[in-house]
Amino acid sequence: MKAPKAKTAPAKAGAKEIPIRLATGSSAPGTAEGQSIEEALGAQVRALRKRQDMTVAELAGQAGLSAGMLSKVENGAISPSLATLQSLAHALNVPMTSLFADFEQRQDVTHVKAGEGLTIERRGTRSGHQYQLLGHPFPGNFAYEPYFITLTKEAEAYSNFRHEGMEFIYILEGEVGYRHGNQVYRLRPGDSLFFSANAAHGPEELRKLPLKFLSIIVFERDQ
C-alpha cells in the first residue's frame, strides 16, 4: 500500500508550496524511540526524586553530589559512574536496578502465538467462560491484563462482574447482549465497549455461540 501524499498549504503566486504534515496516532505522551540509556536513567532519577518530594539540592546533598552534577544526570547529559548511581540509589532509598526501570520497561514486550495464551481461572470460569491471558504484567503504576475470552454452548450467562479500573472489549465472533449497569448492549463482530468496571457487567444474553472476544483490563496498582 502506498503511503498517502502529504497535503500542501495554499501558496501565493510565485511562492513555493509548503507540505502540511497531518498529525495522527495516540494522544498519549511520546516515548522518544531510540532514547539513550543516559536519558532514560536521568528521567527515572528525576521521577523518583519528585515522587519523594525532594528538590535537586536536597537529593544532591544526600548523594554527595553538586546540584549541577545532578542536573546533568537528570537531563541525560552525562554518563554517571557506578559509584554515582550507587550514591543516588542510596539517597533515594531504592535498589540501584530501579534506576534503569524506565529504560527496561520501554524494551519490554510479550509475543504470544495463536492458541498459546496462558489459560487461567477467573470468576467466570465456573460459568464456562474460558480465559487466555495474552501478556504478562509490565512494571509501573498501572496493571494491564489482556484476555482472549471464549464462551461455548456449555457456557452460562453471567453479568455481575465488578472490579476496579476500566475495561475494553472487542467482539471477534458470535453475538451477545452485554450488560453494563442498567444498559444491555447488543454486540456483533467488530463492535466494542469501553467502560468503568466498577459497575456490574458481563455477557447477559448469549445470542450466537461460540462467542469470542478480547478483553483488556486496566487498573491502578496498590501502592
C-alpha atoms as a PDB file:
ATOM      1  CA  MET A   1       0.000   0.000   0.000  1.00  0.00           C
ATOM      2  CA  LYS A   2       1.406   3.366  -0.980  1.00  0.00           C
ATOM      3  CA  ALA A   3       1.893   5.979   1.699  1.00  0.00           C
ATOM      4  CA  PRO A   4      -0.598   8.863   1.451  1.00  0.00           C
ATOM      5  CA  LYS A   5       0.823  12.004  -0.105  1.00  0.00           C
ATOM      6  CA  ALA A   6       1.309  14.977   2.170  1.00  0.00           C
ATOM      7  CA  LYS A   7      -1.148  17.807   1.554  1.00  0.00           C
ATOM      8  CA  THR A   8       0.195  21.234   0.743  1.00  0.00           C
ATOM      9  CA  ALA A   9      -0.807  24.609   2.096  1.00  0.00           C
ATOM     10  CA  PRO A  10      -2.193  27.149  -0.367  1.00  0.00           C
ATOM     11  CA  ALA A  11       0.615  29.433  -1.530  1.00  0.00           C
ATOM     12  CA  LYS A  12       0.685  32.885  -3.017  1.00  0.00           C
ATOM     13  CA  ALA A  13       1.544  33.253  -6.691  1.00  0.00           C
ATOM     14  CA  GLY A  14       5.208  32.515  -7.262  1.00  0.00           C
ATOM     15  CA  ALA A  15       5.679  31.118  -3.748  1.00  0.00           C
ATOM     16  CA  LYS A  16       6.763  27.549  -3.074  1.00  0.00           C
ATOM     17  CA  GLU A  17       4.108  25.208  -1.667  1.00  0.00           C
ATOM     18  CA  ILE A  18       4.829  24.053   1.890  1.00  0.00           C
ATOM     19  CA  PRO A  19       3.839  20.448   2.787  1.00  0.00           C
ATOM     20  CA  ILE A  20       1.435  20.084   5.721  1.00  0.00           C
ATOM     21  CA  ARG A  21       2.119  17.141   7.989  1.00  0.00           C
ATOM     22  CA  LEU A  22      -1.098  15.753   9.409  1.00  0.00           C
ATOM     23  CA  ALA A  23      -0.714  14.536  12.970  1.00  0.00           C
ATOM     24  CA  THR A  24      -2.018  11.011  13.552  1.00  0.00           C
ATOM     25  CA  GLY A  25      -1.899   8.400  16.288  1.00  0.00           C
ATOM     26  CA  SER A  26      -2.397   8.317  20.045  1.00  0.00           C
ATOM     27  CA  SER A  27      -2.677  11.374  22.265  1.00  0.00           C
ATOM     28  CA  ALA A  28      -0.511   9.607  24.868  1.00  0.00           C
ATOM     29  CA  PRO A  29       2.825  11.282  25.666  1.00  0.00           C
ATOM     30  CA  GLY A  30       5.590  10.242  23.300  1.00  0.00           C
ATOM     31  CA  THR A  31       8.308   7.871  24.499  1.00  0.00           C
ATOM     32  CA  ALA A  32      11.114   9.126  22.283  1.00  0.00           C
ATOM     33  CA  GLU A  33      12.086   5.968  20.424  1.00  0.00           C
ATOM     34  CA  GLY A  34      15.814   5.393  20.482  1.00  0.00           C
ATOM     35  CA  GLN A  35      16.211   7.302  23.748  1.00  0.00           C
ATOM     36  CA  SER A  36      19.661   6.673  25.181  1.00  0.00           C
ATOM     37  CA  ILE A  37      20.210   4.871  28.439  1.00  0.00           C
ATOM     38  CA  GLU A  38      21.571   8.120  29.924  1.00  0.00           C
ATOM     39  CA  GLU A  39      18.341   9.944  29.076  1.00  0.00           C
ATOM     40  CA  ALA A  40      16.171   7.106  30.395  1.00  0.00           C
ATOM     41  CA  LEU A  41      18.230   6.875  33.582  1.00  0.00           C
ATOM     42  CA  GLY A  42      18.041  10.632  34.108  1.00  0.00           C
ATOM     43  CA  ALA A  43      14.276  10.644  33.634  1.00  0.00           C
ATOM     44  CA  GLN A  44      13.930   7.849  36.194  1.00  0.00           C
ATOM     45  CA  VAL A  45      16.097   9.661  38.759  1.00  0.00           C
ATOM     46  CA  ARG A  46      14.004  12.806  38.300  1.00  0.00           C
ATOM     47  CA  ALA A  47      10.746  10.832  38.648  1.00  0.00           C
ATOM     48  CA  LEU A  48      11.924   9.106  41.837  1.00  0.00           C
ATOM     49  CA  ARG A  49      13.123  12.409  43.291  1.00  0.00           C
ATOM     50  CA  LYS A  50       9.803  14.133  42.618  1.00  0.00           C
ATOM     51  CA  ARG A  51       7.868  11.146  43.930  1.00  0.00           C
ATOM     52  CA  GLN A  52       9.687  11.613  47.240  1.00  0.00           C
ATOM     53  CA  ASP A  53       9.092  15.392  47.102  1.00  0.00           C
ATOM     54  CA  MET A  54      12.813  16.189  47.124  1.00  0.00           C
ATOM     55  CA  THR A  55      14.454  19.193  45.490  1.00  0.00           C
ATOM     56  CA  VAL A  56      17.546  18.901  43.307  1.00  0.00           C
ATOM     57  CA  ALA A  57      19.597  20.464  46.094  1.00  0.00           C
ATOM     58  CA  GLU A  58      18.262  18.028  48.709  1.00  0.00           C
ATOM     59  CA  LEU A  59      18.956  14.915  46.657  1.00  0.00           C
ATOM     60  CA  ALA A  60      22.347  16.209  45.555  1.00  0.00           C
ATOM     61  CA  GLY A  61      23.309  16.881  49.171  1.00  0.00           C
ATOM     62  CA  GLN A  62      22.244  13.436  50.373  1.00  0.00           C
ATOM     63  CA  ALA A  63      24.051  11.737  47.470  1.00  0.00           C
ATOM     64  CA  GLY A  64      27.242  13.782  47.939  1.00  0.00           C
ATOM     65  CA  LEU A  65      26.926  15.456  44.520  1.00  0.00           C
ATOM     66  CA  SER A  66      26.760  19.050  43.398  1.00  0.00           C
ATOM     67  CA  ALA A  67      23.389  20.338  42.233  1.00  0.00           C
ATOM     68  CA  GLY A  68      24.920  20.999  38.814  1.00  0.00           C
ATOM     69  CA  MET A  69      26.116  17.401  38.507  1.00  0.00           C
ATOM     70  CA  LEU A  70      22.690  16.043  39.471  1.00  0.00           C
ATOM     71  CA  SER A  71      21.028  18.317  36.913  1.00  0.00           C
ATOM     72  CA  LYS A  72      23.320  16.908  34.220  1.00  0.00           C
ATOM     73  CA  VAL A  73      22.403  13.365  35.295  1.00  0.00           C
ATOM     74  CA  GLU A  74      18.672  14.106  35.203  1.00  0.00           C
ATOM     75  CA  ASN A  75      18.976  15.723  31.766  1.00  0.00           C
ATOM     76  CA  GLY A  76      20.876  12.743  30.367  1.00  0.00           C
ATOM     77  CA  ALA A  77      23.843  14.988  29.582  1.00  0.00           C
ATOM     78  CA  ILE A  78      26.443  12.703  31.169  1.00  0.00           C
ATOM     79  CA  SER A  79      27.019   9.017  31.751  1.00  0.00           C
ATOM     80  CA  PRO A  80      27.272   8.693  35.556  1.00  0.00           C
ATOM     81  CA  SER A  81      29.716   6.294  37.150  1.00  0.00           C
ATOM     82  CA  LEU A  82      28.593   3.247  39.098  1.00  0.00           C
ATOM     83  CA  ALA A  83      29.665   4.997  42.301  1.00  0.00           C
ATOM     84  CA  THR A  84      27.400   7.956  41.454  1.00  0.00           C
ATOM     85  CA  LEU A  85      24.486   5.654  40.672  1.00  0.00           C
ATOM     86  CA  GLN A  86      25.017   3.793  43.933  1.00  0.00           C
ATOM     87  CA  SER A  87      25.023   7.086  45.868  1.00  0.00           C
ATOM     88  CA  LEU A  88      21.804   8.222  44.148  1.00  0.00           C
ATOM     89  CA  ALA A  89      20.095   4.909  44.803  1.00  0.00           C
ATOM     90  CA  HIS A  90      21.088   5.045  48.475  1.00  0.00           C
ATOM     91  CA  ALA A  91      19.833   8.624  48.807  1.00  0.00           C
ATOM     92  CA  LEU A  92      16.549   7.693  47.122  1.00  0.00           C
ATOM     93  CA  ASN A  93      16.282   4.534  49.251  1.00  0.00           C
ATOM     94  CA  VAL A  94      15.762   2.279  46.209  1.00  0.00           C
ATOM     95  CA  PRO A  95      17.798  -0.602  44.745  1.00  0.00           C
ATOM     96  CA  MET A  96      20.198   0.575  42.057  1.00  0.00           C
ATOM     97  CA  THR A  97      18.454  -1.617  39.456  1.00  0.00           C
ATOM     98  CA  SER A  98      15.300   0.503  39.829  1.00  0.00           C
ATOM     99  CA  LEU A  99      17.168   3.439  38.272  1.00  0.00           C
ATOM    100  CA  PHE A 100      17.111   1.529  34.984  1.00  0.00           C
ATOM    101  CA  ALA A 101      13.428   0.554  35.229  1.00  0.00           C
ATOM    102  CA  ASP A 102      12.223   3.201  32.769  1.00  0.00           C
ATOM    103  CA  PHE A 103      14.694   2.076  30.110  1.00  0.00           C
ATOM    104  CA  GLU A 104      13.910  -1.615  30.648  1.00  0.00           C
ATOM    105  CA  GLN A 105      10.148  -1.027  30.595  1.00  0.00           C
ATOM    106  CA  ARG A 106      10.251   0.519  27.121  1.00  0.00           C
ATOM    107  CA  GLN A 107      12.083  -2.565  25.881  1.00  0.00           C
ATOM    108  CA  ASP A 108       9.538  -4.962  27.399  1.00  0.00           C
ATOM    109  CA  VAL A 109       7.349  -6.978  25.050  1.00  0.00           C
ATOM    110  CA  THR A 110       5.143 -10.066  25.107  1.00  0.00           C
ATOM    111  CA  HIS A 111       4.756 -12.224  21.995  1.00  0.00           C
ATOM    112  CA  VAL A 112       2.001 -14.844  22.167  1.00  0.00           C
ATOM    113  CA  LYS A 113       1.448 -17.119  19.178  1.00  0.00           C
ATOM    114  CA  ALA A 114      -2.039 -18.219  18.143  1.00  0.00           C
ATOM    115  CA  GLY A 115      -3.577 -20.603  20.661  1.00  0.00           C
ATOM    116  CA  GLU A 116      -0.679 -20.278  23.104  1.00  0.00           C
ATOM    117  CA  GLY A 117      -2.181 -17.832  25.602  1.00  0.00           C
ATOM    118  CA  LEU A 118      -1.920 -18.877  29.233  1.00  0.00           C
ATOM    119  CA  THR A 119      -5.212 -20.487  30.305  1.00  0.00           C
ATOM    120  CA  ILE A 120      -6.204 -19.166  33.712  1.00  0.00           C
ATOM    121  CA  GLU A 121      -9.156 -19.266  36.075  1.00  0.00           C
ATOM    122  CA  ARG A 122     -11.215 -16.193  36.882  1.00  0.00           C
ATOM    123  CA  ARG A 123     -14.621 -15.574  38.405  1.00  0.00           C
ATOM    124  CA  GLY A 124     -16.436 -16.539  35.188  1.00  0.00           C
ATOM    125  CA  THR A 125     -14.614 -19.854  34.808  1.00  0.00           C
ATOM    126  CA  ARG A 126     -17.266 -21.698  36.796  1.00  0.00           C
ATOM    127  CA  SER A 127     -19.856 -20.383  34.328  1.00  0.00           C
ATOM    128  CA  GLY A 128     -17.963 -21.909  31.417  1.00  0.00           C
ATOM    129  CA  HIS A 129     -16.066 -18.781  30.377  1.00  0.00           C
ATOM    130  CA  GLN A 130     -12.604 -19.670  29.064  1.00  0.00           C
ATOM    131  CA  TYR A 131      -9.791 -17.153  29.637  1.00  0.00           C
ATOM    132  CA  GLN A 132      -6.431 -16.960  27.915  1.00  0.00           C
ATOM    133  CA  LEU A 133      -4.031 -14.349  29.260  1.00  0.00           C
ATOM    134  CA  LEU A 134      -2.164 -12.727  26.349  1.00  0.00           C
ATOM    135  CA  GLY A 135       0.544 -10.803  28.166  1.00  0.00           C
ATOM    136  CA  HIS A 136       2.493 -10.596  31.391  1.00  0.00           C
ATOM    137  CA  PRO A 137       2.268  -7.505  33.623  1.00  0.00           C
ATOM    138  CA  PHE A 138       4.723  -4.680  32.940  1.00  0.00           C
ATOM    139  CA  PRO A 139       6.222  -2.643  35.789  1.00  0.00           C
ATOM    140  CA  GLY A 140       4.630   0.699  36.587  1.00  0.00           C
ATOM    141  CA  ASN A 141       1.763   2.308  38.464  1.00  0.00           C
ATOM    142  CA  PHE A 142      -0.915   0.642  36.346  1.00  0.00           C
ATOM    143  CA  ALA A 143      -1.620  -3.021  35.624  1.00  0.00           C
ATOM    144  CA  TYR A 144      -2.787  -4.210  32.210  1.00  0.00           C
ATOM    145  CA  GLU A 145      -4.472  -7.571  31.676  1.00  0.00           C
ATOM    146  CA  PRO A 146      -5.241  -8.589  28.057  1.00  0.00           C
ATOM    147  CA  TYR A 147      -7.506 -11.641  27.685  1.00  0.00           C
ATOM    148  CA  PHE A 148      -8.909 -13.720  24.849  1.00  0.00           C
ATOM    149  CA  ILE A 149     -12.275 -14.983  26.128  1.00  0.00           C
ATOM    150  CA  THR A 150     -14.354 -17.815  24.663  1.00  0.00           C
ATOM    151  CA  LEU A 151     -17.890 -18.865  25.559  1.00  0.00           C
ATOM    152  CA  THR A 152     -19.141 -22.116  24.005  1.00  0.00           C
ATOM    153  CA  LYS A 153     -22.618 -23.688  24.091  1.00  0.00           C
ATOM    154  CA  GLU A 154     -21.799 -25.090  27.547  1.00  0.00           C
ATOM    155  CA  ALA A 155     -21.248 -21.594  28.934  1.00  0.00           C
ATOM    156  CA  GLU A 156     -23.764 -19.722  31.072  1.00  0.00           C
ATOM    157  CA  ALA A 157     -24.644 -16.036  31.040  1.00  0.00           C
ATOM    158  CA  TYR A 158     -23.066 -14.039  33.854  1.00  0.00           C
ATOM    159  CA  SER A 159     -23.407 -10.269  34.130  1.00  0.00           C
ATOM    160  CA  ASN A 160     -22.348  -9.489  37.679  1.00  0.00           C
ATOM    161  CA  PHE A 161     -18.619  -8.945  37.250  1.00  0.00           C
ATOM    162  CA  ARG A 162     -17.328  -6.000  39.293  1.00  0.00           C
ATOM    163  CA  HIS A 163     -13.743  -4.903  39.755  1.00  0.00           C
ATOM    164  CA  GLU A 164     -11.549  -1.817  39.858  1.00  0.00           C
ATOM    165  CA  GLY A 165     -10.373   0.048  36.790  1.00  0.00           C
ATOM    166  CA  MET A 166     -11.501   0.278  33.184  1.00  0.00           C
ATOM    167  CA  GLU A 167     -12.242  -2.473  30.666  1.00  0.00           C
ATOM    168  CA  PHE A 168     -12.307  -2.597  26.879  1.00  0.00           C
ATOM    169  CA  ILE A 169     -13.926  -5.483  24.983  1.00  0.00           C
ATOM    170  CA  TYR A 170     -13.880  -6.176  21.241  1.00  0.00           C
ATOM    171  CA  ILE A 171     -16.117  -8.841  19.692  1.00  0.00           C
ATOM    172  CA  LEU A 172     -14.420 -11.242  17.271  1.00  0.00           C
ATOM    173  CA  GLU A 173     -17.097 -13.904  16.773  1.00  0.00           C
ATOM    174  CA  GLY A 174     -20.698 -14.553  17.835  1.00  0.00           C
ATOM    175  CA  GLU A 175     -23.341 -12.187  19.199  1.00  0.00           C
ATOM    176  CA  VAL A 176     -24.050 -11.139  22.776  1.00  0.00           C
ATOM    177  CA  GLY A 177     -26.236  -8.878  24.834  1.00  0.00           C
ATOM    178  CA  TYR A 178     -23.584  -7.374  27.127  1.00  0.00           C
ATOM    179  CA  ARG A 179     -24.765  -5.674  30.275  1.00  0.00           C
ATOM    180  CA  HIS A 180     -23.115  -2.653  31.819  1.00  0.00           C
ATOM    181  CA  GLY A 181     -25.012  -1.168  34.738  1.00  0.00           C
ATOM    182  CA  ASN A 182     -28.647  -0.674  33.716  1.00  0.00           C
ATOM    183  CA  GLN A 183     -27.995  -0.955  29.975  1.00  0.00           C
ATOM    184  CA  VAL A 184     -27.680  -4.051  27.744  1.00  0.00           C
ATOM    185  CA  TYR A 185     -25.717  -3.571  24.515  1.00  0.00           C
ATOM    186  CA  ARG A 186     -26.196  -5.927  21.592  1.00  0.00           C
ATOM    187  CA  LEU A 187     -22.715  -6.576  20.229  1.00  0.00           C
ATOM    188  CA  ARG A 188     -21.671  -8.264  16.984  1.00  0.00           C
ATOM    189  CA  PRO A 189     -18.225  -8.919  15.432  1.00  0.00           C
ATOM    190  CA  GLY A 190     -16.351  -5.644  15.114  1.00  0.00           C
ATOM    191  CA  ASP A 191     -18.312  -3.970  17.925  1.00  0.00           C
ATOM    192  CA  SER A 192     -16.555  -2.774  21.054  1.00  0.00           C
ATOM    193  CA  LEU A 193     -17.371  -1.454  24.501  1.00  0.00           C
ATOM    194  CA  PHE A 194     -15.183   0.628  26.805  1.00  0.00           C
ATOM    195  CA  PHE A 195     -16.432   1.136  30.340  1.00  0.00           C
ATOM    196  CA  SER A 196     -15.837   1.635  34.029  1.00  0.00           C
ATOM    197  CA  ALA A 197     -15.552  -1.823  35.556  1.00  0.00           C
ATOM    198  CA  ASN A 198     -16.942  -0.762  38.952  1.00  0.00           C
ATOM    199  CA  ALA A 199     -20.480  -1.224  37.619  1.00  0.00           C
ATOM    200  CA  ALA A 200     -21.952  -4.712  37.226  1.00  0.00           C
ATOM    201  CA  HIS A 201     -21.130  -6.028  33.753  1.00  0.00           C
ATOM    202  CA  GLY A 202     -20.842  -9.167  31.670  1.00  0.00           C
ATOM    203  CA  PRO A 203     -22.477 -11.256  28.909  1.00  0.00           C
ATOM    204  CA  GLU A 204     -26.177 -11.477  29.778  1.00  0.00           C
ATOM    205  CA  GLU A 205     -27.751 -12.665  26.504  1.00  0.00           C
ATOM    206  CA  LEU A 206     -25.805 -15.359  24.653  1.00  0.00           C
ATOM    207  CA  ARG A 207     -27.380 -14.770  21.252  1.00  0.00           C
ATOM    208  CA  LYS A 208     -24.916 -16.611  18.995  1.00  0.00           C
ATOM    209  CA  LEU A 209     -22.245 -19.051  20.129  1.00  0.00           C
ATOM    210  CA  PRO A 210     -19.380 -19.603  20.215  1.00  0.00           C
ATOM    211  CA  LEU A 211     -18.693 -16.113  21.462  1.00  0.00           C
ATOM    212  CA  LYS A 212     -15.100 -14.924  21.211  1.00  0.00           C
ATOM    213  CA  PHE A 213     -13.847 -11.518  22.261  1.00  0.00           C
ATOM    214  CA  LEU A 214     -10.845  -9.616  23.513  1.00  0.00           C
ATOM    215  CA  SER A 215     -10.918  -8.019  26.947  1.00  0.00           C
ATOM    216  CA  ILE A 216      -8.306  -5.551  28.186  1.00  0.00           C
ATOM    217  CA  ILE A 217      -8.495  -4.542  31.842  1.00  0.00           C
ATOM    218  CA  VAL A 218      -6.523  -1.593  33.224  1.00  0.00           C
ATOM    219  CA  PHE A 219      -6.339  -0.699  36.906  1.00  0.00           C
ATOM    220  CA  GLU A 220      -4.103   1.186  39.285  1.00  0.00           C
ATOM    221  CA  ARG A 221      -1.795  -0.950  41.364  1.00  0.00           C
ATOM    222  CA  ASP A 222      -1.863  -0.786  45.157  1.00  0.00           C
ATOM    223  CA  GLN A 223       0.944   1.476  46.259  1.00  0.00           C
END
